Structure formats: structure tokens, C-alpha cells
Amino acid sequence: MSKPKHERGLEETEAQAITKNIRVSPRKLNLVAGLIRGRTAQDAVATLIFSKRRIAQTVRKTLESAIANAENNHSLDVDRLVVTKAEVGRAVVMKRFHARGRGRSARVEKWFSHLKIVVAEQTVQAPAAQQEAA
């Protein structure tokens, strides 16, 4: 039996959330996504709450959705979640024109982006001192 389309490529200990067509350029969104890659879920949410960038609130909502998916759909422990992937993709580009002097025009491109956040449950590792004592 094959997995549903939205579940392909995920491990048992992973959950994801996707937001499409965000009105920000992929380059700017990737700067914010880079802030949360590899961090624990709670640390990533705290980082996004205090970020000054406009798009950080949309990223936070997507991250919280991924955390909720992990808890409710996959029964994962929220306290052990880590952001393993924060992928930014290019979406549509709206092309507009801006009137310039002498009857000319300039092209204005309004970029859109996709965001995919994957959180995974981190395995508990015993400290090295405890392993040596055993």
C-alpha cells in the first residue's frame, strides 16, 4: 500500500507544512528561513516573534502549522521537535510597468514564493559521561 501524495518522502518522525504564493521575493524569504534552520521548534518560534522582518510572521504561522501537524497528525512530542528543512521556492512573477520620462517605461517584477517547513522529532541521546559509566 502506497502512502498518500502529501505524505511521500517524509519519515515516520517528520511532519511538514507548506505555504504557497507568499508575496515576497524568494531571496528575502530565504534570509528569514535561514534563521530557523536546524533550531529547536520553540527556539525558532521565539526567533521569528522578535524578528523585525515583515515576512517573519507568515513564516511563524507556517512553522506553528508544522508543529501542530506533528502533534495532531503524527503524534510526535512537541518538546523534541527540530526544524530540519526550511525550503524556499520560486512561484509566479507578476510583471508590471512603471511609466518613465519621455514616453518610456520600465519593467517592475513582483515576485512570489513558496515555503516548505519540515520538523522532525529529535532522538534522545545520552551524554557521553553516562554511556562510559554504564
N, C-alpha and C. Protein backbone atom coordinates (compact mmCIF):
# COMPACT_ATOMS: atom_id res chain seq x y z
N MET A 1 0.84 -1.18 0.00
CA MET A 1 0.00 0.00 0.00
C MET A 1 0.89 1.25 0.00
N SER A 2 0.66 2.16 -0.92
CA SER A 2 1.49 3.36 -1.01
C SER A 2 0.92 4.46 -0.12
N LYS A 3 1.82 5.36 0.25
CA LYS A 3 1.42 6.48 1.10
C LYS A 3 0.61 7.49 0.28
N PRO A 4 -0.21 8.31 0.94
CA PRO A 4 -0.90 9.39 0.23
C PRO A 4 0.10 10.38 -0.37
N LYS A 5 -0.35 11.13 -1.36
CA LYS A 5 0.55 12.03 -2.09
C LYS A 5 1.23 13.03 -1.17
N HIS A 6 0.50 13.58 -0.20
CA HIS A 6 1.09 14.60 0.66
C HIS A 6 2.05 14.01 1.69
N GLU A 7 2.10 12.70 1.84
CA GLU A 7 2.97 12.07 2.82
C GLU A 7 4.23 11.47 2.21
N ARG A 8 4.35 11.42 0.89
CA ARG A 8 5.52 10.80 0.27
C ARG A 8 6.78 11.57 0.60
N GLY A 9 7.85 10.84 0.90
CA GLY A 9 9.12 11.47 1.16
C GLY A 9 9.34 11.87 2.60
N LEU A 10 8.37 11.67 3.47
CA LEU A 10 8.55 12.01 4.88
C LEU A 10 8.78 10.75 5.69
N GLU A 11 9.61 10.87 6.71
CA GLU A 11 9.85 9.76 7.61
C GLU A 11 8.71 9.66 8.62
N GLU A 12 8.75 8.63 9.44
CA GLU A 12 7.73 8.46 10.48
C GLU A 12 7.81 9.55 11.54
N THR A 13 8.98 10.10 11.75
CA THR A 13 9.17 11.10 12.80
C THR A 13 9.17 12.53 12.25
N GLU A 14 8.62 12.74 11.07
CA GLU A 14 8.61 14.07 10.46
C GLU A 14 7.20 14.54 10.16
N ALA A 15 7.04 15.85 10.15
CA ALA A 15 5.79 16.49 9.74
C ALA A 15 6.15 17.76 8.99
N GLN A 16 5.25 18.21 8.13
CA GLN A 16 5.56 19.38 7.32
C GLN A 16 4.36 20.32 7.20
N ALA A 17 4.64 21.51 6.77
CA ALA A 17 3.61 22.50 6.44
C ALA A 17 4.12 23.29 5.24
N ILE A 18 3.21 23.58 4.32
CA ILE A 18 3.57 24.29 3.09
C ILE A 18 2.68 25.52 2.95
N THR A 19 3.29 26.64 2.64
CA THR A 19 2.55 27.86 2.31
C THR A 19 2.95 28.27 0.91
N LYS A 20 1.95 28.47 0.06
CA LYS A 20 2.24 28.81 -1.33
C LYS A 20 1.84 30.24 -1.63
N ASN A 21 2.49 30.79 -2.64
CA ASN A 21 2.19 32.13 -3.16
C ASN A 21 2.24 33.21 -2.09
N ILE A 22 3.38 33.29 -1.41
CA ILE A 22 3.62 34.35 -0.43
C ILE A 22 4.16 35.55 -1.19
N ARG A 23 3.63 36.72 -0.93
CA ARG A 23 4.01 37.92 -1.68
C ARG A 23 5.31 38.51 -1.14
N VAL A 24 6.40 37.81 -1.41
CA VAL A 24 7.74 38.28 -1.06
C VAL A 24 8.70 37.56 -2.00
N SER A 25 9.83 38.17 -2.27
CA SER A 25 10.78 37.53 -3.18
C SER A 25 11.44 36.34 -2.47
N PRO A 26 11.79 35.31 -3.22
CA PRO A 26 12.44 34.15 -2.60
C PRO A 26 13.74 34.51 -1.89
N ARG A 27 14.43 35.49 -2.38
CA ARG A 27 15.70 35.89 -1.78
C ARG A 27 15.50 36.44 -0.36
N LYS A 28 14.46 37.27 -0.19
CA LYS A 28 14.17 37.83 1.13
C LYS A 28 13.62 36.77 2.06
N LEU A 29 12.78 35.89 1.53
CA LEU A 29 12.20 34.83 2.35
C LEU A 29 13.27 33.86 2.82
N ASN A 30 14.26 33.60 2.00
CA ASN A 30 15.33 32.67 2.36
C ASN A 30 16.18 33.21 3.50
N LEU A 31 16.29 34.53 3.62
CA LEU A 31 17.02 35.11 4.74
C LEU A 31 16.33 34.78 6.06
N VAL A 32 15.00 34.86 6.07
CA VAL A 32 14.24 34.55 7.29
C VAL A 32 14.24 33.04 7.54
N ALA A 33 14.11 32.25 6.47
CA ALA A 33 14.13 30.80 6.63
C ALA A 33 15.47 30.32 7.17
N GLY A 34 16.53 31.01 6.81
CA GLY A 34 17.85 30.64 7.31
C GLY A 34 18.00 30.85 8.80
N LEU A 35 17.19 31.73 9.38
CA LEU A 35 17.25 31.97 10.82
C LEU A 35 16.78 30.77 11.63
N ILE A 36 15.89 29.93 11.05
CA ILE A 36 15.28 28.86 11.83
C ILE A 36 15.80 27.48 11.48
N ARG A 37 16.57 27.34 10.42
CA ARG A 37 17.07 26.01 10.02
C ARG A 37 17.95 25.42 11.11
N GLY A 38 17.65 24.17 11.49
CA GLY A 38 18.46 23.47 12.47
C GLY A 38 18.17 23.80 13.92
N ARG A 39 17.27 24.71 14.19
CA ARG A 39 16.95 25.09 15.56
C ARG A 39 15.82 24.22 16.11
N THR A 40 15.68 24.21 17.42
CA THR A 40 14.52 23.55 18.01
C THR A 40 13.28 24.36 17.67
N ALA A 41 12.13 23.72 17.73
CA ALA A 41 10.89 24.38 17.30
C ALA A 41 10.58 25.60 18.18
N GLN A 42 10.72 25.45 19.50
CA GLN A 42 10.41 26.57 20.39
C GLN A 42 11.38 27.73 20.18
N ASP A 43 12.63 27.43 19.95
CA ASP A 43 13.64 28.47 19.72
C ASP A 43 13.36 29.19 18.39
N ALA A 44 12.94 28.43 17.39
CA ALA A 44 12.64 29.02 16.08
C ALA A 44 11.43 29.95 16.17
N VAL A 45 10.40 29.54 16.90
CA VAL A 45 9.21 30.40 17.07
C VAL A 45 9.59 31.69 17.79
N ALA A 46 10.40 31.57 18.84
CA ALA A 46 10.83 32.76 19.58
C ALA A 46 11.65 33.69 18.70
N THR A 47 12.50 33.14 17.85
CA THR A 47 13.30 33.95 16.94
C THR A 47 12.41 34.72 15.98
N LEU A 48 11.39 34.05 15.45
CA LEU A 48 10.51 34.70 14.47
C LEU A 48 9.60 35.75 15.11
N ILE A 49 9.21 35.54 16.36
CA ILE A 49 8.35 36.52 17.04
C ILE A 49 9.07 37.86 17.16
N PHE A 50 10.37 37.81 17.43
CA PHE A 50 11.12 39.05 17.66
C PHE A 50 11.88 39.53 16.44
N SER A 51 11.66 38.90 15.29
CA SER A 51 12.31 39.36 14.07
C SER A 51 11.62 40.63 13.56
N LYS A 52 12.40 41.54 13.01
CA LYS A 52 11.84 42.81 12.52
C LYS A 52 11.36 42.72 11.08
N ARG A 53 11.64 41.62 10.41
CA ARG A 53 11.23 41.50 9.01
C ARG A 53 9.73 41.24 8.91
N ARG A 54 9.11 41.85 7.90
CA ARG A 54 7.67 41.75 7.71
C ARG A 54 7.22 40.32 7.49
N ILE A 55 7.97 39.55 6.74
CA ILE A 55 7.56 38.22 6.35
C ILE A 55 7.72 37.20 7.48
N ALA A 56 8.39 37.57 8.56
CA ALA A 56 8.64 36.64 9.66
C ALA A 56 7.35 36.12 10.28
N GLN A 57 6.29 36.92 10.28
CA GLN A 57 5.03 36.47 10.87
C GLN A 57 4.38 35.36 10.04
N THR A 58 4.50 35.44 8.72
CA THR A 58 3.98 34.39 7.85
C THR A 58 4.79 33.11 8.03
N VAL A 59 6.09 33.24 8.16
CA VAL A 59 6.95 32.08 8.39
C VAL A 59 6.61 31.44 9.74
N ARG A 60 6.35 32.27 10.75
CA ARG A 60 5.98 31.77 12.07
C ARG A 60 4.67 30.98 12.02
N LYS A 61 3.70 31.48 11.29
CA LYS A 61 2.43 30.77 11.16
C LYS A 61 2.61 29.43 10.47
N THR A 62 3.47 29.38 9.46
CA THR A 62 3.75 28.11 8.78
C THR A 62 4.47 27.15 9.71
N LEU A 63 5.41 27.65 10.49
CA LEU A 63 6.12 26.81 11.45
C LEU A 63 5.17 26.27 12.51
N GLU A 64 4.29 27.11 13.02
CA GLU A 64 3.33 26.65 14.02
C GLU A 64 2.37 25.62 13.44
N SER A 65 2.05 25.75 12.16
CA SER A 65 1.22 24.75 11.49
C SER A 65 1.95 23.42 11.39
N ALA A 66 3.25 23.45 11.09
CA ALA A 66 4.03 22.22 11.02
C ALA A 66 4.12 21.56 12.40
N ILE A 67 4.25 22.36 13.44
CA ILE A 67 4.29 21.83 14.80
C ILE A 67 2.95 21.19 15.16
N ALA A 68 1.85 21.85 14.80
CA ALA A 68 0.53 21.30 15.07
C ALA A 68 0.29 20.01 14.28
N ASN A 69 0.78 19.96 13.03
CA ASN A 69 0.66 18.73 12.24
C ASN A 69 1.43 17.59 12.90
N ALA A 70 2.60 17.90 13.44
CA ALA A 70 3.41 16.87 14.10
C ALA A 70 2.70 16.32 15.33
N GLU A 71 2.08 17.22 16.08
CA GLU A 71 1.41 16.81 17.31
C GLU A 71 0.11 16.06 17.04
N ASN A 72 -0.72 16.60 16.16
CA ASN A 72 -2.06 16.06 15.97
C ASN A 72 -2.13 14.93 14.95
N ASN A 73 -1.36 15.03 13.86
CA ASN A 73 -1.46 14.03 12.80
C ASN A 73 -0.47 12.89 12.95
N HIS A 74 0.68 13.16 13.58
CA HIS A 74 1.74 12.16 13.66
C HIS A 74 2.06 11.74 15.09
N SER A 75 1.41 12.35 16.08
CA SER A 75 1.60 12.03 17.50
C SER A 75 3.06 12.13 17.93
N LEU A 76 3.71 13.21 17.53
CA LEU A 76 5.11 13.43 17.90
C LEU A 76 5.19 14.31 19.14
N ASP A 77 6.29 14.22 19.86
CA ASP A 77 6.49 15.02 21.06
C ASP A 77 6.95 16.42 20.66
N VAL A 78 6.16 17.42 21.02
CA VAL A 78 6.42 18.80 20.60
C VAL A 78 7.71 19.33 21.20
N ASP A 79 8.06 18.88 22.40
CA ASP A 79 9.25 19.40 23.08
C ASP A 79 10.55 18.92 22.42
N ARG A 80 10.48 17.87 21.60
CA ARG A 80 11.69 17.34 20.97
C ARG A 80 11.75 17.64 19.47
N LEU A 81 10.93 18.57 18.97
CA LEU A 81 10.90 18.87 17.54
C LEU A 81 12.03 19.81 17.15
N VAL A 82 12.61 19.55 15.99
CA VAL A 82 13.68 20.37 15.43
C VAL A 82 13.31 20.69 13.98
N VAL A 83 13.59 21.92 13.54
CA VAL A 83 13.34 22.31 12.16
C VAL A 83 14.47 21.72 11.30
N THR A 84 14.14 20.68 10.53
CA THR A 84 15.16 20.03 9.72
C THR A 84 15.29 20.67 8.35
N LYS A 85 14.17 21.14 7.80
CA LYS A 85 14.21 21.78 6.48
C LYS A 85 13.34 23.03 6.50
N ALA A 86 13.81 24.05 5.83
CA ALA A 86 13.02 25.25 5.56
C ALA A 86 13.34 25.62 4.11
N GLU A 87 12.56 25.06 3.19
CA GLU A 87 12.84 25.22 1.76
C GLU A 87 12.04 26.38 1.19
N VAL A 88 12.71 27.18 0.39
CA VAL A 88 12.08 28.32 -0.27
C VAL A 88 12.11 28.07 -1.77
N GLY A 89 10.95 28.23 -2.41
CA GLY A 89 10.89 28.02 -3.85
C GLY A 89 10.29 29.23 -4.54
N ARG A 90 10.56 29.32 -5.82
CA ARG A 90 10.06 30.44 -6.62
C ARG A 90 8.67 30.12 -7.13
N ALA A 91 7.78 31.08 -7.03
CA ALA A 91 6.42 30.93 -7.54
C ALA A 91 6.26 31.85 -8.75
N VAL A 92 5.08 32.37 -8.95
CA VAL A 92 4.81 33.22 -10.10
C VAL A 92 5.49 34.59 -9.95
N VAL A 93 5.64 35.27 -11.05
CA VAL A 93 6.17 36.63 -11.05
C VAL A 93 5.17 37.51 -11.79
N MET A 94 4.59 38.49 -11.09
CA MET A 94 3.70 39.43 -11.75
C MET A 94 4.55 40.48 -12.44
N LYS A 95 4.24 40.74 -13.70
CA LYS A 95 5.01 41.72 -14.45
C LYS A 95 4.16 42.98 -14.64
N ARG A 96 4.70 44.10 -14.18
CA ARG A 96 4.01 45.38 -14.27
C ARG A 96 4.95 46.37 -14.97
N PHE A 97 4.37 47.50 -15.36
CA PHE A 97 5.18 48.53 -15.99
C PHE A 97 5.03 49.83 -15.23
N HIS A 98 6.14 50.55 -15.16
CA HIS A 98 6.20 51.82 -14.46
C HIS A 98 6.52 52.90 -15.50
N ALA A 99 5.69 53.93 -15.57
CA ALA A 99 5.90 55.00 -16.55
C ALA A 99 7.15 55.80 -16.20
N ARG A 100 7.96 56.05 -17.23
CA ARG A 100 9.18 56.82 -17.06
C ARG A 100 9.10 58.06 -17.95
N GLY A 101 10.11 58.87 -17.91
CA GLY A 101 10.12 60.09 -18.69
C GLY A 101 10.27 59.83 -20.18
N ARG A 102 9.85 60.80 -21.00
CA ARG A 102 9.96 60.76 -22.46
C ARG A 102 9.23 59.59 -23.09
N GLY A 103 8.13 59.18 -22.49
CA GLY A 103 7.29 58.15 -23.09
C GLY A 103 7.82 56.74 -22.96
N ARG A 104 8.84 56.56 -22.14
CA ARG A 104 9.39 55.21 -21.97
C ARG A 104 8.72 54.53 -20.78
N SER A 105 9.04 53.24 -20.62
CA SER A 105 8.51 52.51 -19.48
C SER A 105 9.60 51.60 -18.92
N ALA A 106 9.43 51.24 -17.66
CA ALA A 106 10.37 50.33 -17.00
C ALA A 106 9.58 49.14 -16.48
N ARG A 107 10.19 48.01 -16.52
CA ARG A 107 9.52 46.79 -16.07
C ARG A 107 9.66 46.66 -14.55
N VAL A 108 8.56 46.30 -13.89
CA VAL A 108 8.56 46.03 -12.46
C VAL A 108 8.12 44.59 -12.27
N GLU A 109 8.94 43.80 -11.58
CA GLU A 109 8.61 42.40 -11.34
C GLU A 109 8.24 42.22 -9.87
N LYS A 110 7.08 41.64 -9.63
CA LYS A 110 6.62 41.39 -8.27
C LYS A 110 6.69 39.89 -8.04
N TRP A 111 7.64 39.46 -7.22
CA TRP A 111 7.94 38.05 -7.02
C TRP A 111 7.05 37.44 -5.94
N PHE A 112 6.73 36.18 -6.13
CA PHE A 112 6.02 35.38 -5.14
C PHE A 112 6.87 34.16 -4.80
N SER A 113 6.64 33.58 -3.62
CA SER A 113 7.46 32.46 -3.17
C SER A 113 6.59 31.36 -2.56
N HIS A 114 7.18 30.15 -2.50
CA HIS A 114 6.60 29.03 -1.78
C HIS A 114 7.51 28.73 -0.59
N LEU A 115 6.92 28.25 0.50
CA LEU A 115 7.70 27.91 1.69
C LEU A 115 7.28 26.54 2.18
N LYS A 116 8.25 25.68 2.44
CA LYS A 116 8.00 24.35 2.98
C LYS A 116 8.87 24.16 4.21
N ILE A 117 8.22 23.89 5.35
CA ILE A 117 8.94 23.68 6.60
C ILE A 117 8.70 22.25 7.06
N VAL A 118 9.78 21.54 7.34
CA VAL A 118 9.71 20.16 7.83
C VAL A 118 10.30 20.14 9.23
N VAL A 119 9.52 19.61 10.18
CA VAL A 119 10.02 19.43 11.55
C VAL A 119 10.13 17.94 11.82
N ALA A 120 11.13 17.56 12.60
CA ALA A 120 11.35 16.15 12.92
C ALA A 120 11.59 16.01 14.41
N GLU A 121 11.19 14.85 14.92
CA GLU A 121 11.41 14.56 16.33
C GLU A 121 12.86 14.13 16.51
N GLN A 122 13.55 14.81 17.39
CA GLN A 122 14.96 14.53 17.62
C GLN A 122 15.07 13.33 18.56
N THR A 123 15.95 12.41 18.23
CA THR A 123 16.14 11.25 19.10
C THR A 123 16.93 11.67 20.32
N VAL A 124 16.57 11.08 21.44
CA VAL A 124 17.24 11.41 22.69
C VAL A 124 18.57 10.68 22.74
N GLN A 125 19.65 11.43 22.92
CA GLN A 125 20.98 10.85 23.00
C GLN A 125 21.52 11.04 24.42
N ALA A 126 22.00 9.97 25.00
CA ALA A 126 22.56 10.07 26.34
C ALA A 126 23.92 10.76 26.27
N PRO A 127 24.25 11.57 27.24
CA PRO A 127 25.57 12.21 27.26
C PRO A 127 26.68 11.17 27.33
N ALA A 128 27.86 11.53 26.86
CA ALA A 128 28.98 10.61 26.79
C ALA A 128 29.40 10.10 28.17
N ALA A 129 29.28 10.93 29.20
CA ALA A 129 29.68 10.54 30.55
C ALA A 129 28.80 9.39 31.07
N GLN A 130 27.51 9.44 30.75
CA GLN A 130 26.61 8.38 31.20
C GLN A 130 26.88 7.09 30.47
N GLN A 131 27.23 7.18 29.19
CA GLN A 131 27.49 5.96 28.41
C GLN A 131 28.76 5.27 28.92
N GLU A 132 29.80 6.03 29.30
CA GLU A 132 31.02 5.44 29.81
C GLU A 132 30.82 4.78 31.15
N ALA A 133 29.96 5.35 31.99
CA ALA A 133 29.71 4.80 33.32
C ALA A 133 28.95 3.48 33.24
N ALA A 134 28.17 3.29 32.20
CA ALA A 134 27.37 2.06 32.08
C ALA A 134 28.13 0.87 31.62
